[in-house]
PDB file of N, CA and C in Angstrom:
ATOM      1  N   MET A   1       3.500  -1.484  20.424  1.00  0.00           N
ATOM      2  CA  MET A   1       4.313  -2.692  20.405  1.00  0.00           C
ATOM      3  C   MET A   1       3.853  -3.600  21.542  1.00  0.00           C
ATOM      4  N   ASP A   2       3.643  -4.855  21.252  1.00  0.00           N
ATOM      5  CA  ASP A   2       3.177  -5.822  22.230  1.00  0.00           C
ATOM      6  C   ASP A   2       4.313  -6.160  23.192  1.00  0.00           C
ATOM      7  N   THR A   3       4.120  -5.847  24.480  1.00  0.00           N
ATOM      8  CA  THR A   3       5.186  -6.072  25.454  1.00  0.00           C
ATOM      9  C   THR A   3       5.443  -7.546  25.713  1.00  0.00           C
ATOM     10  N   ASP A   4       4.490  -8.441  25.358  1.00  0.00           N
ATOM     11  CA  ASP A   4       4.716  -9.875  25.537  1.00  0.00           C
ATOM     12  C   ASP A   4       5.814 -10.391  24.612  1.00  0.00           C
ATOM     13  N   GLN A   5       6.069  -9.699  23.513  1.00  0.00           N
ATOM     14  CA  GLN A   5       7.079 -10.125  22.554  1.00  0.00           C
ATOM     15  C   GLN A   5       8.459  -9.544  22.864  1.00  0.00           C
ATOM     16  N   LEU A   6       8.536  -8.651  23.828  1.00  0.00           N
ATOM     17  CA  LEU A   6       9.815  -8.039  24.180  1.00  0.00           C
ATOM     18  C   LEU A   6      10.597  -8.954  25.109  1.00  0.00           C
ATOM     19  N   LYS A   7      11.890  -8.778  25.105  1.00  0.00           N
ATOM     20  CA  LYS A   7      12.747  -9.593  25.971  1.00  0.00           C
ATOM     21  C   LYS A   7      12.851  -8.959  27.355  1.00  0.00           C
ATOM     22  N   PRO A   8      13.076  -9.792  28.381  1.00  0.00           N
ATOM     23  CA  PRO A   8      13.255  -9.249  29.736  1.00  0.00           C
ATOM     24  C   PRO A   8      14.444  -8.293  29.796  1.00  0.00           C
ATOM     25  N   PHE A   9      14.424  -7.426  30.784  1.00  0.00           N
ATOM     26  CA  PHE A   9      15.510  -6.471  30.973  1.00  0.00           C
ATOM     27  C   PHE A   9      16.823  -7.224  31.179  1.00  0.00           C
ATOM     28  N   ASP A  10      17.867  -6.762  30.512  1.00  0.00           N
ATOM     29  CA  ASP A  10      19.195  -7.359  30.608  1.00  0.00           C
ATOM     30  C   ASP A  10      20.171  -6.238  30.967  1.00  0.00           C
ATOM     31  N   LEU A  11      20.688  -6.278  32.192  1.00  0.00           N
ATOM     32  CA  LEU A  11      21.552  -5.208  32.688  1.00  0.00           C
ATOM     33  C   LEU A  11      22.779  -5.000  31.808  1.00  0.00           C
ATOM     34  N   GLU A  12      23.416  -6.070  31.384  1.00  0.00           N
ATOM     35  CA  GLU A  12      24.633  -5.928  30.570  1.00  0.00           C
ATOM     36  C   GLU A  12      24.324  -5.274  29.224  1.00  0.00           C
ATOM     37  N   LYS A  13      23.214  -5.658  28.614  1.00  0.00           N
ATOM     38  CA  LYS A  13      22.833  -5.035  27.340  1.00  0.00           C
ATOM     39  C   LYS A  13      22.453  -3.571  27.539  1.00  0.00           C
ATOM     40  N   ALA A  14      21.776  -3.274  28.645  1.00  0.00           N
ATOM     41  CA  ALA A  14      21.415  -1.882  28.935  1.00  0.00           C
ATOM     42  C   ALA A  14      22.680  -1.042  29.135  1.00  0.00           C
ATOM     43  N   LYS A  15      23.663  -1.592  29.857  1.00  0.00           N
ATOM     44  CA  LYS A  15      24.934  -0.881  30.058  1.00  0.00           C
ATOM     45  C   LYS A  15      25.639  -0.625  28.725  1.00  0.00           C
ATOM     46  N   ALA A  16      25.458  -1.541  27.770  1.00  0.00           N
ATOM     47  CA  ALA A  16      26.089  -1.410  26.460  1.00  0.00           C
ATOM     48  C   ALA A  16      25.328  -0.445  25.550  1.00  0.00           C
ATOM     49  N   GLY A  17      24.218   0.114  26.050  1.00  0.00           N
ATOM     50  CA  GLY A  17      23.496   1.106  25.276  1.00  0.00           C
ATOM     51  C   GLY A  17      22.344   0.574  24.450  1.00  0.00           C
ATOM     52  N   LYS A  18      21.987  -0.693  24.636  1.00  0.00           N
ATOM     53  CA  LYS A  18      20.856  -1.245  23.894  1.00  0.00           C
ATOM     54  C   LYS A  18      19.574  -0.578  24.373  1.00  0.00           C
ATOM     55  N   PRO A  19      18.574  -0.425  23.492  1.00  0.00           N
ATOM     56  CA  PRO A  19      17.356   0.296  23.849  1.00  0.00           C
ATOM     57  C   PRO A  19      16.469  -0.465  24.838  1.00  0.00           C
ATOM     58  N   ILE A  20      15.891   0.288  25.786  1.00  0.00           N
ATOM     59  CA  ILE A  20      14.984  -0.298  26.778  1.00  0.00           C
ATOM     60  C   ILE A  20      13.716   0.537  26.848  1.00  0.00           C
ATOM     61  N   GLN A  21      12.681  -0.050  27.455  1.00  0.00           N
ATOM     62  CA  GLN A  21      11.415   0.643  27.624  1.00  0.00           C
ATOM     63  C   GLN A  21      10.728   0.144  28.878  1.00  0.00           C
ATOM     64  N   THR A  22       9.713   0.905  29.308  1.00  0.00           N
ATOM     65  CA  THR A  22       8.910   0.482  30.453  1.00  0.00           C
ATOM     66  C   THR A  22       7.869  -0.516  29.973  1.00  0.00           C
ATOM     67  N   LEU A  23       7.181  -1.145  30.914  1.00  0.00           N
ATOM     68  CA  LEU A  23       6.102  -2.066  30.551  1.00  0.00           C
ATOM     69  C   LEU A  23       4.974  -1.366  29.802  1.00  0.00           C
ATOM     70  N   LEU A  24       4.860  -0.047  29.971  1.00  0.00           N
ATOM     71  CA  LEU A  24       3.834   0.721  29.255  1.00  0.00           C
ATOM     72  C   LEU A  24       4.274   1.113  27.853  1.00  0.00           C
ATOM     73  N   GLY A  25       5.490   0.717  27.462  1.00  0.00           N
ATOM     74  CA  GLY A  25       5.979   1.000  26.116  1.00  0.00           C
ATOM     75  C   GLY A  25       6.691   2.323  25.960  1.00  0.00           C
ATOM     76  N   ILE A  26       7.045   2.969  27.064  1.00  0.00           N
ATOM     77  CA  ILE A  26       7.728   4.260  26.996  1.00  0.00           C
ATOM     78  C   ILE A  26       9.240   4.037  26.889  1.00  0.00           C
ATOM     79  N   PRO A  27       9.872   4.520  25.834  1.00  0.00           N
ATOM     80  CA  PRO A  27      11.326   4.379  25.712  1.00  0.00           C
ATOM     81  C   PRO A  27      12.038   5.164  26.814  1.00  0.00           C
ATOM     82  N   VAL A  28      13.072   4.557  27.402  1.00  0.00           N
ATOM     83  CA  VAL A  28      13.864   5.210  28.443  1.00  0.00           C
ATOM     84  C   VAL A  28      15.347   4.995  28.156  1.00  0.00           C
ATOM     85  N   LYS A  29      16.166   5.843  28.747  1.00  0.00           N
ATOM     86  CA  LYS A  29      17.620   5.737  28.594  1.00  0.00           C
ATOM     87  C   LYS A  29      18.201   5.253  29.917  1.00  0.00           C
ATOM     88  N   PHE A  30      19.020   4.218  29.854  1.00  0.00           N
ATOM     89  CA  PHE A  30      19.655   3.658  31.041  1.00  0.00           C
ATOM     90  C   PHE A  30      20.665   4.645  31.609  1.00  0.00           C
ATOM     91  N   LEU A  31      20.597   4.866  32.933  1.00  0.00           N
ATOM     92  CA  LEU A  31      21.552   5.746  33.610  1.00  0.00           C
ATOM     93  C   LEU A  31      22.458   4.978  34.560  1.00  0.00           C
ATOM     94  N   GLY A  32      21.931   3.944  35.221  1.00  0.00           N
ATOM     95  CA  GLY A  32      22.741   3.184  36.167  1.00  0.00           C
ATOM     96  C   GLY A  32      21.880   2.375  37.116  1.00  0.00           C
ATOM     97  N   VAL A  33      22.543   1.717  38.058  1.00  0.00           N
ATOM     98  CA  VAL A  33      21.864   0.893  39.055  1.00  0.00           C
ATOM     99  C   VAL A  33      22.010   1.586  40.410  1.00  0.00           C
ATOM    100  N   LEU A  34      20.900   1.742  41.092  1.00  0.00           N
ATOM    101  CA  LEU A  34      20.906   2.366  42.414  1.00  0.00           C
ATOM    102  C   LEU A  34      21.283   1.334  43.477  1.00  0.00           C
ATOM    103  N   SER A  35      21.673   1.799  44.652  1.00  0.00           N
ATOM    104  CA  SER A  35      22.092   0.889  45.724  1.00  0.00           C
ATOM    105  C   SER A  35      20.960  -0.034  46.189  1.00  0.00           C
ATOM    106  N   ASN A  36      19.707   0.352  45.947  1.00  0.00           N
ATOM    107  CA  ASN A  36      18.579  -0.496  46.324  1.00  0.00           C
ATOM    108  C   ASN A  36      18.203  -1.506  45.241  1.00  0.00           C
ATOM    109  N   GLY A  37      18.993  -1.562  44.145  1.00  0.00           N
ATOM    110  CA  GLY A  37      18.759  -2.524  43.069  1.00  0.00           C
ATOM    111  C   GLY A  37      17.840  -2.019  41.975  1.00  0.00           C
ATOM    112  N   ARG A  38      17.243  -0.850  42.178  1.00  0.00           N
ATOM    113  CA  ARG A  38      16.379  -0.303  41.132  1.00  0.00           C
ATOM    114  C   ARG A  38      17.241   0.275  40.010  1.00  0.00           C
ATOM    115  N   ILE A  39      16.650   0.406  38.838  1.00  0.00           N
ATOM    116  CA  ILE A  39      17.365   0.882  37.659  1.00  0.00           C
ATOM    117  C   ILE A  39      17.023   2.356  37.427  1.00  0.00           C
ATOM    118  N   ALA A  40      18.042   3.200  37.412  1.00  0.00           N
ATOM    119  CA  ALA A  40      17.854   4.628  37.147  1.00  0.00           C
ATOM    120  C   ALA A  40      17.795   4.838  35.640  1.00  0.00           C
ATOM    121  N   VAL A  41      16.759   5.567  35.199  1.00  0.00           N
ATOM    122  CA  VAL A  41      16.577   5.821  33.777  1.00  0.00           C
ATOM    123  C   VAL A  41      16.197   7.275  33.564  1.00  0.00           C
ATOM    124  N   GLU A  42      16.321   7.707  32.321  1.00  0.00           N
ATOM    125  CA  GLU A  42      15.883   9.039  31.917  1.00  0.00           C
ATOM    126  C   GLU A  42      14.708   8.869  30.974  1.00  0.00           C
ATOM    127  N   ILE A  43      13.657   9.615  31.231  1.00  0.00           N
ATOM    128  CA  ILE A  43      12.467   9.586  30.387  1.00  0.00           C
ATOM    129  C   ILE A  43      12.344  10.932  29.704  1.00  0.00           C
ATOM    130  N   GLY A  44      12.001  10.932  28.446  1.00  0.00           N
ATOM    131  CA  GLY A  44      11.808  12.174  27.708  1.00  0.00           C
ATOM    132  C   GLY A  44      13.067  12.610  26.998  1.00  0.00           C
ATOM    133  N   GLU A  45      12.963  13.729  26.305  1.00  0.00           N
ATOM    134  CA  GLU A  45      14.088  14.239  25.525  1.00  0.00           C
ATOM    135  C   GLU A  45      14.370  15.701  25.877  1.00  0.00           C
ATOM    136  N   ASP A  46      15.605  16.080  25.744  1.00  0.00           N
ATOM    137  CA  ASP A  46      16.067  17.461  25.918  1.00  0.00           C
ATOM    138  C   ASP A  46      15.587  18.088  27.228  1.00  0.00           C
ATOM    139  N   GLU A  47      14.970  19.270  27.151  1.00  0.00           N
ATOM    140  CA  GLU A  47      14.600  19.997  28.367  1.00  0.00           C
ATOM    141  C   GLU A  47      13.420  19.369  29.102  1.00  0.00           C
ATOM    142  N   LYS A  48      12.688  18.466  28.447  1.00  0.00           N
ATOM    143  CA  LYS A  48      11.556  17.803  29.094  1.00  0.00           C
ATOM    144  C   LYS A  48      11.961  16.492  29.758  1.00  0.00           C
ATOM    145  N   ALA A  49      13.204  16.123  29.673  1.00  0.00           N
ATOM    146  CA  ALA A  49      13.665  14.850  30.237  1.00  0.00           C
ATOM    147  C   ALA A  49      13.734  14.925  31.757  1.00  0.00           C
ATOM    148  N   HIS A  50      13.487  13.798  32.385  1.00  0.00           N
ATOM    149  CA  HIS A  50      13.654  13.708  33.831  1.00  0.00           C
ATOM    150  C   HIS A  50      14.097  12.299  34.205  1.00  0.00           C
ATOM    151  N   ALA A  51      14.767  12.190  35.314  1.00  0.00           N
ATOM    152  CA  ALA A  51      15.270  10.897  35.776  1.00  0.00           C
ATOM    153  C   ALA A  51      14.281  10.285  36.760  1.00  0.00           C
ATOM    154  N   THR A  52      14.198   8.981  36.731  1.00  0.00           N
ATOM    155  CA  THR A  52      13.363   8.231  37.670  1.00  0.00           C
ATOM    156  C   THR A  52      13.973   6.844  37.803  1.00  0.00           C
ATOM    157  N   ASP A  53      13.318   5.953  38.528  1.00  0.00           N
ATOM    158  CA  ASP A  53      13.862   4.608  38.670  1.00  0.00           C
ATOM    159  C   ASP A  53      12.744   3.578  38.642  1.00  0.00           C
ATOM    160  N   PHE A  54      13.110   2.366  38.245  1.00  0.00           N
ATOM    161  CA  PHE A  54      12.171   1.258  38.114  1.00  0.00           C
ATOM    162  C   PHE A  54      12.809  -0.007  38.669  1.00  0.00           C
ATOM    163  N   PHE A  55      11.962  -0.943  39.091  1.00  0.00           N
ATOM    164  CA  PHE A  55      12.456  -2.284  39.365  1.00  0.00           C
ATOM    165  C   PHE A  55      12.835  -2.913  38.028  1.00  0.00           C
ATOM    166  N   PRO A  56      13.872  -3.745  37.988  1.00  0.00           N
ATOM    167  CA  PRO A  56      14.268  -4.368  36.718  1.00  0.00           C
ATOM    168  C   PRO A  56      13.118  -5.102  36.026  1.00  0.00           C
ATOM    169  N   GLU A  57      12.207  -5.710  36.828  1.00  0.00           N
ATOM    170  CA  GLU A  57      11.098  -6.455  36.224  1.00  0.00           C
ATOM    171  C   GLU A  57      10.105  -5.550  35.511  1.00  0.00           C
ATOM    172  N   SER A  58      10.202  -4.244  35.724  1.00  0.00           N
ATOM    173  CA  SER A  58       9.292  -3.281  35.091  1.00  0.00           C
ATOM    174  C   SER A  58       9.841  -2.737  33.779  1.00  0.00           C
ATOM    175  N   LEU A  59      10.983  -3.247  33.360  1.00  0.00           N
ATOM    176  CA  LEU A  59      11.608  -2.786  32.129  1.00  0.00           C
ATOM    177  C   LEU A  59      11.747  -3.946  31.154  1.00  0.00           C
ATOM    178  N   ARG A  60      11.801  -3.630  29.873  1.00  0.00           N
ATOM    179  CA  ARG A  60      11.984  -4.615  28.814  1.00  0.00           C
ATOM    180  C   ARG A  60      13.009  -4.091  27.822  1.00  0.00           C
ATOM    181  N   MET A  61      13.645  -5.016  27.139  1.00  0.00           N
ATOM    182  CA  MET A  61      14.590  -4.661  26.080  1.00  0.00           C
ATOM    183  C   MET A  61      13.797  -4.421  24.797  1.00  0.00           C
ATOM    184  N   ARG A  62      14.030  -3.276  24.174  1.00  0.00           N
ATOM    185  CA  ARG A  62      13.381  -2.964  22.896  1.00  0.00           C
ATOM    186  C   ARG A  62      14.160  -3.613  21.764  1.00  0.00           C
ATOM    187  N   PRO A  63      13.484  -4.085  20.736  1.00  0.00           N
ATOM    188  CA  PRO A  63      14.226  -4.622  19.584  1.00  0.00           C
ATOM    189  C   PRO A  63      14.963  -3.490  18.883  1.00  0.00           C
ATOM    190  N   GLU A  64      16.142  -3.794  18.377  1.00  0.00           N
ATOM    191  CA  GLU A  64      16.912  -2.812  17.631  1.00  0.00           C
ATOM    192  C   GLU A  64      16.587  -2.957  16.154  1.00  0.00           C
ATOM    193  N   VAL A  65      16.058  -1.910  15.575  1.00  0.00           N
ATOM    194  CA  VAL A  65      15.753  -1.937  14.154  1.00  0.00           C
ATOM    195  C   VAL A  65      16.986  -1.435  13.409  1.00  0.00           C
ATOM    196  N   LYS A  66      17.468  -2.267  12.502  1.00  0.00           N
ATOM    197  CA  LYS A  66      18.623  -1.893  11.692  1.00  0.00           C
ATOM    198  C   LYS A  66      18.204  -1.851  10.232  1.00  0.00           C
ATOM    199  N   LYS A  67      18.999  -1.189   9.422  1.00  0.00           N
ATOM    200  CA  LYS A  67      18.698  -1.065   8.000  1.00  0.00           C
ATOM    201  C   LYS A  67      19.834  -1.663   7.184  1.00  0.00           C
ATOM    202  N   PHE A  68      19.454  -2.395   6.154  1.00  0.00           N
ATOM    203  CA  PHE A  68      20.402  -2.934   5.196  1.00  0.00           C
ATOM    204  C   PHE A  68      20.135  -2.243   3.870  1.00  0.00           C
ATOM    205  N   LYS A  69      21.146  -1.599   3.325  1.00  0.00           N
ATOM    206  CA  LYS A  69      21.020  -0.964   2.018  1.00  0.00           C
ATOM    207  C   LYS A  69      21.700  -1.867   0.998  1.00  0.00           C
ATOM    208  N   GLY A  70      20.950  -2.201  -0.031  1.00  0.00           N
ATOM    209  CA  GLY A  70      21.473  -3.103  -1.032  1.00  0.00           C
ATOM    210  C   GLY A  70      21.210  -2.611  -2.435  1.00  0.00           C
ATOM    211  N   VAL A  71      21.816  -3.310  -3.390  1.00  0.00           N
ATOM    212  CA  VAL A  71      21.636  -3.014  -4.805  1.00  0.00           C
ATOM    213  C   VAL A  71      21.515  -4.332  -5.568  1.00  0.00           C
ATOM    214  N   LEU A  72      20.727  -4.297  -6.623  1.00  0.00           N
ATOM    215  CA  LEU A  72      20.620  -5.430  -7.541  1.00  0.00           C
ATOM    216  C   LEU A  72      21.318  -5.038  -8.833  1.00  0.00           C
ATOM    217  N   TYR A  73      22.209  -5.895  -9.297  1.00  0.00           N
ATOM    218  CA  TYR A  73      22.908  -5.666 -10.557  1.00  0.00           C
ATOM    219  C   TYR A  73      22.642  -6.833 -11.486  1.00  0.00           C
ATOM    220  N   ALA A  74      22.614  -6.549 -12.781  1.00  0.00           N
ATOM    221  CA  ALA A  74      22.565  -7.590 -13.805  1.00  0.00           C
ATOM    222  C   ALA A  74      23.926  -7.637 -14.464  1.00  0.00           C
ATOM    223  N   GLN A  75      24.426  -8.836 -14.601  1.00  0.00           N
ATOM    224  CA  GLN A  75      25.709  -9.011 -15.294  1.00  0.00           C
ATOM    225  C   GLN A  75      25.482 -10.086 -16.344  1.00  0.00           C
ATOM    226  N   GLY A  76      25.548  -9.695 -17.565  1.00  0.00           N
ATOM    227  CA  GLY A  76      25.242 -10.639 -18.634  1.00  0.00           C
ATOM    228  C   GLY A  76      23.734 -10.804 -18.767  1.00  0.00           C
ATOM    229  N   VAL A  77      23.340 -11.895 -19.390  1.00  0.00           N
ATOM    230  CA  VAL A  77      21.928 -12.113 -19.677  1.00  0.00           C
ATOM    231  C   VAL A  77      21.173 -12.702 -18.496  1.00  0.00           C
ATOM    232  N   SER A  78      21.792 -13.616 -17.750  1.00  0.00           N
ATOM    233  CA  SER A  78      21.027 -14.342 -16.735  1.00  0.00           C
ATOM    234  C   SER A  78      21.514 -14.160 -15.299  1.00  0.00           C
ATOM    235  N   ASP A  79      22.604 -13.473 -15.075  1.00  0.00           N
ATOM    236  CA  ASP A  79      23.123 -13.321 -13.720  1.00  0.00           C
ATOM    237  C   ASP A  79      22.593 -12.053 -13.057  1.00  0.00           C
ATOM    238  N   VAL A  80      21.916 -12.238 -11.935  1.00  0.00           N
ATOM    239  CA  VAL A  80      21.468 -11.110 -11.121  1.00  0.00           C
ATOM    240  C   VAL A  80      22.204 -11.198  -9.792  1.00  0.00           C
ATOM    241  N   LEU A  81      22.842 -10.116  -9.396  1.00  0.00           N
ATOM    242  CA  LEU A  81      23.639 -10.092  -8.175  1.00  0.00           C
ATOM    243  C   LEU A  81      22.977  -9.181  -7.142  1.00  0.00           C
ATOM    244  N   VAL A  82      22.886  -9.668  -5.915  1.00  0.00           N
ATOM    245  CA  VAL A  82      22.409  -8.868  -4.796  1.00  0.00           C
ATOM    246  C   VAL A  82      23.636  -8.519  -3.968  1.00  0.00           C
ATOM    247  N   MET A  83      23.882  -7.237  -3.753  1.00  0.00           N
ATOM    248  CA  MET A  83      25.079  -6.802  -3.038  1.00  0.00           C
ATOM    249  C   MET A  83      24.726  -5.718  -2.038  1.00  0.00           C
ATOM    250  N   SER A  84      25.537  -5.610  -0.998  1.00  0.00           N
ATOM    251  CA  SER A  84      25.365  -4.476  -0.088  1.00  0.00           C
ATOM    252  C   SER A  84      25.804  -3.215  -0.829  1.00  0.00           C
ATOM    253  N   ASP A  85      25.174  -2.118  -0.493  1.00  0.00           N
ATOM    254  CA  ASP A  85      25.433  -0.857  -1.177  1.00  0.00           C
ATOM    255  C   ASP A  85      26.657  -0.186  -0.563  1.00  0.00           C
ATOM    256  N   THR A  86      27.825  -0.557  -1.075  1.00  0.00           N
ATOM    257  CA  THR A  86      29.075   0.035  -0.610  1.00  0.00           C
ATOM    258  C   THR A  86      29.820   0.631  -1.802  1.00  0.00           C
ATOM    259  N   GLU A  87      30.740   1.510  -1.515  1.00  0.00           N
ATOM    260  CA  GLU A  87      31.543   2.113  -2.585  1.00  0.00           C
ATOM    261  C   GLU A  87      32.349   1.041  -3.313  1.00  0.00           C
ATOM    262  N   GLN A  88      32.871   0.080  -2.564  1.00  0.00           N
ATOM    263  CA  GLN A  88      33.657  -0.997  -3.172  1.00  0.00           C
ATOM    264  C   GLN A  88      32.808  -1.804  -4.154  1.00  0.00           C
ATOM    265  N   ASN A  89      31.583  -2.149  -3.764  1.00  0.00           N
ATOM    266  CA  ASN A  89      30.723  -2.920  -4.658  1.00  0.00           C
ATOM    267  C   ASN A  89      30.289  -2.107  -5.875  1.00  0.00           C
ATOM    268  N   ARG A  90      30.042  -0.813  -5.680  1.00  0.00           N
ATOM    269  CA  ARG A  90      29.686   0.025  -6.831  1.00  0.00           C
ATOM    270  C   ARG A  90      30.863   0.159  -7.798  1.00  0.00           C
ATOM    271  N   ASN A  91      32.084   0.267  -7.257  1.00  0.00           N
ATOM    272  CA  ASN A  91      33.268   0.322  -8.123  1.00  0.00           C
ATOM    273  C   ASN A  91      33.450  -0.997  -8.874  1.00  0.00           C
ATOM    274  N   TRP A  92      33.199  -2.113  -8.206  1.00  0.00           N
ATOM    275  CA  TRP A  92      33.281  -3.423  -8.857  1.00  0.00           C
ATOM    276  C   TRP A  92      32.296  -3.486 -10.014  1.00  0.00           C
ATOM    277  N   ALA A  93      31.054  -3.053  -9.763  1.00  0.00           N
ATOM    278  CA  ALA A  93      30.021  -3.095 -10.793  1.00  0.00           C
ATOM    279  C   ALA A  93      30.398  -2.219 -11.990  1.00  0.00           C
ATOM    280  N   LYS A  94      30.978  -1.059 -11.711  1.00  0.00           N
ATOM    281  CA  LYS A  94      31.418  -0.172 -12.790  1.00  0.00           C
ATOM    282  C   LYS A  94      32.515  -0.841 -13.612  1.00  0.00           C
ATOM    283  N   HIS A  95      33.481  -1.428 -12.905  1.00  0.00           N
ATOM    284  CA  HIS A  95      34.616  -2.078 -13.566  1.00  0.00           C
ATOM    285  C   HIS A  95      34.154  -3.219 -14.478  1.00  0.00           C
ATOM    286  N   TYR A  96      33.188  -4.013 -14.014  1.00  0.00           N
ATOM    287  CA  TYR A  96      32.712  -5.156 -14.793  1.00  0.00           C
ATOM    288  C   TYR A  96      31.471  -4.828 -15.629  1.00  0.00           C
ATOM    289  N   ARG A  97      31.133  -3.551 -15.688  1.00  0.00           N
ATOM    290  CA  ARG A  97      30.024  -3.056 -16.506  1.00  0.00           C
ATOM    291  C   ARG A  97      28.697  -3.766 -16.195  1.00  0.00           C
ATOM    292  N   ALA A  98      28.476  -3.986 -14.930  1.00  0.00           N
ATOM    293  CA  ALA A  98      27.190  -4.548 -14.500  1.00  0.00           C
ATOM    294  C   ALA A  98      26.145  -3.439 -14.534  1.00  0.00           C
ATOM    295  N   THR A  99      24.922  -3.799 -14.828  1.00  0.00           N
ATOM    296  CA  THR A  99      23.842  -2.830 -14.939  1.00  0.00           C
ATOM    297  C   THR A  99      23.064  -2.765 -13.630  1.00  0.00           C
ATOM    298  N   LEU A 100      22.926  -1.559 -13.101  1.00  0.00           N
ATOM    299  CA  LEU A 100      22.152  -1.367 -11.877  1.00  0.00           C
ATOM    300  C   LEU A 100      20.676  -1.571 -12.195  1.00  0.00           C
ATOM    301  N   ILE A 101      20.042  -2.499 -11.472  1.00  0.00           N
ATOM    302  CA  ILE A 101      18.612  -2.757 -11.665  1.00  0.00           C
ATOM    303  C   ILE A 101      17.801  -1.982 -10.637  1.00  0.00           C
ATOM    304  N   LYS A 102      18.214  -2.075  -9.371  1.00  0.00           N
ATOM    305  CA  LYS A 102      17.417  -1.452  -8.321  1.00  0.00           C
ATOM    306  C   LYS A 102      18.254  -1.253  -7.069  1.00  0.00           C
ATOM    307  N   GLU A 103      18.001  -0.145  -6.380  1.00  0.00           N
ATOM    308  CA  GLU A 103      18.536   0.097  -5.040  1.00  0.00           C
ATOM    309  C   GLU A 103      17.404  -0.209  -4.068  1.00  0.00           C
ATOM    310  N   PHE A 104      17.723  -0.796  -2.914  1.00  0.00           N
ATOM    311  CA  PHE A 104      16.663  -1.114  -1.956  1.00  0.00           C
ATOM    312  C   PHE A 104      17.183  -1.007  -0.531  1.00  0.00           C
ATOM    313  N   GLU A 105      16.230  -0.957   0.395  1.00  0.00           N
ATOM    314  CA  GLU A 105      16.561  -0.872   1.815  1.00  0.00           C
ATOM    315  C   GLU A 105      15.612  -1.811   2.567  1.00  0.00           C
ATOM    316  N   VAL A 106      16.171  -2.585   3.485  1.00  0.00           N
ATOM    317  CA  VAL A 106      15.382  -3.527   4.272  1.00  0.00           C
ATOM    318  C   VAL A 106      15.619  -3.218   5.751  1.00  0.00           C
ATOM    319  N   GLU A 107      14.532  -3.101   6.518  1.00  0.00           N
ATOM    320  CA  GLU A 107      14.656  -2.948   7.960  1.00  0.00           C
ATOM    321  C   GLU A 107      14.496  -4.318   8.611  1.00  0.00           C
ATOM    322  N   TYR A 108      15.321  -4.569   9.627  1.00  0.00           N
ATOM    323  CA  TYR A 108      15.228  -5.837  10.350  1.00  0.00           C
ATOM    324  C   TYR A 108      15.568  -5.599  11.809  1.00  0.00           C
ATOM    325  N   GLU A 109      15.131  -6.541  12.640  1.00  0.00           N
ATOM    326  CA  GLU A 109      15.407  -6.446  14.062  1.00  0.00           C
ATOM    327  C   GLU A 109      16.560  -7.369  14.402  1.00  0.00           C
ATOM    328  N   ASP A 110      17.527  -6.829  15.121  1.00  0.00           N
ATOM    329  CA  ASP A 110      18.693  -7.607  15.526  1.00  0.00           C
ATOM    330  C   ASP A 110      18.368  -8.337  16.828  1.00  0.00           C
ATOM    331  N   GLU A 111      18.676  -9.590  16.876  1.00  0.00           N
ATOM    332  CA  GLU A 111      18.416 -10.394  18.088  1.00  0.00           C
ATOM    333  C   GLU A 111      19.505 -10.168  19.115  1.00  0.00           C
TER     334      GLU A 111
END
């Protein structure tokens, strides 16, 4: 991932659990702010994880990839409906005898 396209470190977003990484592209978990202003983070997973700290300028906010699950229905001859894939929408389609054309999933980055 190109670090030039990443957003600068944002303490409030990091506190809220948004994903962060080092300038080298290594994902880290926010732990807190040290008295010297450096950011305490955890690198690695499970038993291989260790804590360290970075200057805020050495960290970047990672984009959050989210998924949208949707369905395409046909109702009648010319109406095609795009809907989120929820139980309520599937029940609606059943009730109105709409024909399922396709299920799909789209990944997007949240700003």
